[in-house]
Amino acid sequence: MTVSGLGTARTHHTPISAPPRRPQVAKNERNDFEALTTSDRELIFQSTGQRVTPGFDPAKDKPTSFATALATERAIGHLAPGQPVTAVYLKDLHHRYQRASAPSPIGPYLDKALAYLAQSGPRRIDVSA
C-alpha cells in the first residue's frame, strides 16, 4: 500500500532569522583636545610644562587637569572657536568651580597661567581654530 502526501523529497529551507548585526561603534569617542587652538596649546605648555600637540591621545598620555579643563571648555563651546583664553576667563572658571564646592582643576596652575598671559600681552582672536 502506498501513502501519498509529505515525504522526504521536500526541499529544506533555512529558517528565517534576523540579518547579522553590525558591530556597535563605541559612542562618545570624541577627543576634546582636538578643539584646542595653537594659543591654547602654548598656554598649557607654559602653565604646566605639558605639550599637547595635535593628535594628542589622552588615553596614552595622561593630561594635566588644566589641559583637560581647557579642552573641555573649548569642546563644549564655553570658549568659542578662536576666542582667546584670557586672565578674566581663567579667574571666572576657577571661581565657578569654587562656587560649586568642587576642586578647581586649574587652581594649581592658575598663577603660572596668569603670569604667562600678563607677559604675553593682549590676547587676539586665534584664527587657527
Protein backbone atom coordinates (compact mmCIF):
# COMPACT_ATOMS: atom_id res chain seq x y z
CA MET A 1 0.00 0.00 0.00
CA THR A 2 1.24 3.46 -0.87
CA VAL A 3 0.54 6.55 1.17
CA SER A 4 0.52 9.82 -0.65
CA GLY A 5 1.46 13.11 0.99
CA LEU A 6 4.52 14.53 2.55
CA GLY A 7 7.65 12.63 2.04
CA THR A 8 11.38 13.04 2.40
CA ALA A 9 11.80 14.54 -1.02
CA ARG A 10 10.97 18.02 0.24
CA THR A 11 13.48 20.82 -0.15
CA HIS A 12 14.93 22.01 3.13
CA HIS A 13 14.62 25.78 3.69
CA THR A 14 16.76 27.61 6.21
CA PRO A 15 14.75 29.24 8.97
CA ILE A 16 14.04 32.95 8.73
CA SER A 17 16.25 34.91 11.08
CA ALA A 18 17.43 38.43 11.61
CA PRO A 19 20.35 39.60 9.50
CA PRO A 20 23.72 39.59 11.26
CA ARG A 21 24.26 42.65 13.46
CA ARG A 22 26.88 45.19 12.69
CA PRO A 23 29.45 45.65 15.44
CA GLN A 24 28.50 48.66 17.53
CA VAL A 25 30.74 51.64 17.28
CA ALA A 26 31.77 52.99 20.65
CA LYS A 27 29.79 56.13 21.33
CA ASN A 28 31.25 59.34 22.62
CA GLU A 29 34.78 58.77 21.43
CA ARG A 30 35.38 62.41 20.72
CA ASN A 31 38.74 63.84 21.58
CA ASP A 32 38.23 67.21 23.25
CA PHE A 33 41.91 68.02 22.75
CA GLU A 34 41.34 68.39 19.02
CA ALA A 35 39.33 71.56 19.72
CA LEU A 36 42.33 73.36 21.28
CA THR A 37 43.86 76.27 19.40
CA THR A 38 47.57 76.90 18.93
CA SER A 39 47.49 79.57 21.65
CA ASP A 40 45.62 77.19 23.99
CA ARG A 41 48.38 74.61 23.50
CA GLU A 42 51.06 77.20 24.23
CA LEU A 43 49.22 78.36 27.36
CA ILE A 44 49.01 74.75 28.56
CA PHE A 45 52.73 74.26 27.94
CA GLN A 46 53.71 77.50 29.69
CA SER A 47 51.44 76.74 32.65
CA THR A 48 52.03 73.02 33.11
CA GLY A 49 55.08 72.04 31.08
CA GLN A 50 52.97 69.50 29.18
CA ARG A 51 52.99 69.50 25.38
CA VAL A 52 49.54 68.90 23.95
CA THR A 53 50.16 68.60 20.24
CA PRO A 54 47.56 67.93 17.54
CA GLY A 55 46.66 64.25 17.68
CA PHE A 56 47.18 64.16 21.45
CA ASP A 57 45.73 60.93 22.84
CA PRO A 58 44.54 61.35 26.43
CA ALA A 59 44.34 57.55 26.78
CA LYS A 60 48.09 57.22 26.15
CA ASP A 61 49.45 60.46 27.59
CA LYS A 62 47.82 61.44 30.87
CA PRO A 63 46.77 65.08 30.52
CA THR A 64 47.03 67.57 33.36
CA SER A 65 43.81 68.78 34.94
CA PHE A 66 44.49 72.24 33.48
CA ALA A 67 44.76 70.84 29.93
CA THR A 68 41.63 68.75 30.41
CA ALA A 69 39.64 71.72 31.73
CA LEU A 70 40.64 73.95 28.80
CA ALA A 71 39.97 71.22 26.24
CA THR A 72 36.54 70.58 27.75
CA GLU A 73 35.67 74.28 27.85
CA ARG A 74 36.66 74.59 24.19
CA ALA A 75 34.90 71.39 23.07
CA ILE A 76 31.56 72.16 24.73
CA GLY A 77 31.54 75.71 23.39
CA HIS A 78 32.12 77.76 26.52
CA LEU A 79 35.14 79.07 24.62
CA ALA A 80 34.07 79.78 21.06
CA PRO A 81 36.38 78.82 18.20
CA GLY A 82 39.08 81.46 18.02
CA GLN A 83 38.06 83.13 21.28
CA PRO A 84 41.23 83.68 23.29
CA VAL A 85 41.69 82.41 26.80
CA THR A 86 42.14 85.49 28.96
CA ALA A 87 43.08 86.06 32.58
CA VAL A 88 39.48 87.11 33.28
CA TYR A 89 38.19 83.89 31.74
CA LEU A 90 40.56 81.70 33.79
CA LYS A 91 39.71 83.50 37.03
CA ASP A 92 36.00 83.15 36.29
CA LEU A 93 36.41 79.44 35.51
CA HIS A 94 38.30 78.94 38.78
CA HIS A 95 35.57 80.77 40.71
CA ARG A 96 32.84 78.69 39.04
CA TYR A 97 34.45 75.55 40.43
CA GLN A 98 34.81 77.14 43.86
CA ARG A 99 31.15 78.24 43.91
CA ALA A 100 30.15 74.68 43.06
CA SER A 101 32.24 73.46 46.01
CA ALA A 102 34.29 71.37 43.59
CA PRO A 103 38.06 71.19 43.44
CA SER A 104 39.31 73.51 40.71
CA PRO A 105 41.33 71.64 38.07
CA ILE A 106 43.07 74.86 37.11
CA GLY A 107 43.82 76.01 40.67
CA PRO A 108 47.34 74.53 40.91
CA TYR A 109 48.31 76.12 37.58
CA LEU A 110 46.41 79.40 37.83
CA ASP A 111 49.29 81.60 39.00
CA LYS A 112 51.61 80.40 36.21
CA ALA A 113 48.86 80.78 33.62
CA LEU A 114 48.05 84.32 34.75
CA ALA A 115 51.75 85.26 34.76
CA TYR A 116 52.16 83.93 31.22
CA LEU A 117 49.07 85.77 29.98
CA ALA A 118 50.26 89.02 31.60
CA GLN A 119 53.69 88.85 29.99
CA SER A 120 52.40 87.75 26.56
CA GLY A 121 50.31 90.90 26.11
CA PRO A 122 46.73 91.36 24.93
CA ARG A 123 45.01 88.29 23.52
CA ARG A 124 43.72 88.33 19.98
CA ILE A 125 41.31 86.04 18.21
CA ASP A 126 43.12 82.88 17.12
CA VAL A 127 42.18 82.14 13.52
CA SER A 128 43.98 78.79 13.56
CA ALA A 129 40.98 77.21 15.30
